[in-house]
Every structure is written in C-alpha cells, then in structure tokens.
Amino acid sequence: MLRVEDLSVPHPRLKNKNLVEKISFSVRRGEVLGIAGLVGSGRSEVVNAIYGRIPRCGRVFVEGLGPEESRKGSGTAVAAALKAE
C-alpha cells in the first residue's frame, strides 16, 4: 500500500509558493492510480516528490513504513510510468 498525506511541493525559487498543495491519497495492493491534469499542473512533481527526488512537505508511507524504513529492502515496489504530452 502507498499512502500519501498532505503532500506539498515547494516552488524551487519562490518562497511561500507551492507547486503542489496538500494532497492526500492511498493506493492499495493491486490498485492502479492515474493522475491527470494539464501541462504544468504538478503531475510529475507529485511522482518525483513521492520518490524523494525533489524536496517535499508531508508524509509518504509504503506498506506502512516511512521513507527511511521503506528504503531498507522491504521488498515492496512502487512504480510510475510518466507520459510526455
């Protein structure tokens, strides 16, 4: 299971501005989540923040484990397929 709570992605150059503002969702084992939106709506930023590639605020849990614990070989996979427009 993937659980995202109050995920925000701060703007890299503008203080007090977020690219993504407090989103929460969960995906259970066997489910698929699609994120749709216009160009510049923050889809890629959500995925990159979940993977820890860019700074974020909020919490991400994989199989109930936080970021540090889930990286220690839990055997759980979270994958993303990004499609350019």
Protein backbone atom coordinates (compact mmCIF):
# COMPACT_ATOMS: atom_id res chain seq x y z
CA MET A 1 0.00 0.00 0.00
CA LEU A 2 1.11 3.53 -0.80
CA ARG A 3 -0.27 6.29 1.43
CA VAL A 4 0.44 9.97 0.83
CA GLU A 5 -0.64 12.52 3.45
CA ASP A 6 -0.69 16.30 2.99
CA LEU A 7 1.94 16.26 0.24
CA SER A 8 3.12 19.71 -0.80
CA VAL A 9 5.97 20.53 -3.16
CA PRO A 10 7.60 23.91 -2.55
CA HIS A 11 8.46 26.09 -5.53
CA PRO A 12 12.24 25.95 -6.05
CA ARG A 13 12.61 29.72 -6.45
CA LEU A 14 9.54 31.43 -4.97
CA LYS A 15 9.30 31.38 -1.18
CA ASN A 16 5.86 30.73 0.31
CA LYS A 17 4.66 29.28 -3.03
CA ASN A 18 3.91 25.59 -3.61
CA LEU A 19 3.77 23.76 -6.93
CA VAL A 20 1.50 21.15 -5.30
CA GLU A 21 -0.61 21.96 -2.24
CA LYS A 22 -1.57 19.39 0.44
CA ILE A 23 -2.80 16.36 -1.49
CA SER A 24 -3.57 13.03 0.15
CA PHE A 25 -4.41 9.64 -1.32
CA SER A 26 -3.81 5.94 -0.86
CA VAL A 27 -3.35 3.06 -3.27
CA ARG A 28 -3.90 -0.50 -2.07
CA ARG A 29 -2.04 -3.54 -3.29
CA GLY A 30 -3.30 -4.43 -6.78
CA GLU A 31 -4.82 -0.99 -7.43
CA VAL A 32 -3.63 1.45 -10.08
CA LEU A 33 -3.75 5.23 -9.68
CA GLY A 34 -3.85 7.63 -12.60
CA ILE A 35 -3.05 11.32 -12.17
CA ALA A 36 -4.47 13.55 -14.90
CA GLY A 37 -4.01 17.24 -15.43
CA LEU A 38 -2.96 19.98 -17.79
CA VAL A 39 0.63 20.79 -18.63
CA GLY A 40 2.22 22.40 -15.58
CA SER A 41 -0.39 21.07 -13.15
CA GLY A 42 2.16 19.22 -10.99
CA ARG A 43 1.72 15.57 -12.02
CA SER A 44 5.45 14.90 -12.42
CA GLU A 45 6.24 16.85 -9.25
CA VAL A 46 3.91 14.57 -7.26
CA VAL A 47 5.69 11.45 -8.54
CA ASN A 48 9.17 12.91 -8.04
CA ALA A 49 8.27 14.03 -4.50
CA ILE A 50 6.97 10.55 -3.63
CA TYR A 51 10.26 9.04 -4.81
CA GLY A 52 12.20 11.65 -2.83
CA ARG A 53 13.83 13.15 -5.92
CA ILE A 54 12.71 16.68 -5.07
CA PRO A 55 12.00 18.42 -1.74
CA ARG A 56 8.57 17.90 -0.26
CA CYS A 57 6.45 18.50 2.81
CA GLY A 58 4.03 15.88 4.04
CA ARG A 59 4.36 12.16 4.62
CA VAL A 60 4.74 9.17 2.31
CA PHE A 61 4.32 5.60 3.54
CA VAL A 62 4.94 2.38 1.62
CA GLU A 63 3.39 -0.66 3.30
CA GLY A 64 3.03 1.43 6.45
CA LEU A 65 6.73 2.30 6.58
CA GLY A 66 8.07 5.84 6.41
CA PRO A 67 10.76 6.97 3.94
CA GLU A 68 13.80 5.77 5.88
CA GLU A 69 12.31 2.38 6.75
CA SER A 70 10.87 1.65 3.30
CA ARG A 71 14.27 2.02 1.61
CA LYS A 72 15.81 -0.77 3.67
CA GLY A 73 14.87 -3.64 1.37
CA SER A 74 11.24 -4.12 2.33
CA GLY A 75 10.64 -5.95 -0.97
CA THR A 76 7.76 -3.61 -1.82
CA ALA A 77 7.72 -1.96 -5.24
CA VAL A 78 6.19 1.35 -6.17
CA ALA A 79 6.45 2.19 -9.86
CA ALA A 80 5.48 5.10 -12.06
CA ALA A 81 5.06 5.49 -15.81
CA LEU A 82 5.18 9.09 -16.97
CA LYS A 83 3.84 10.03 -20.39
CA ALA A 84 5.06 13.19 -22.09
CA GLU A 85 2.45 15.16 -23.97
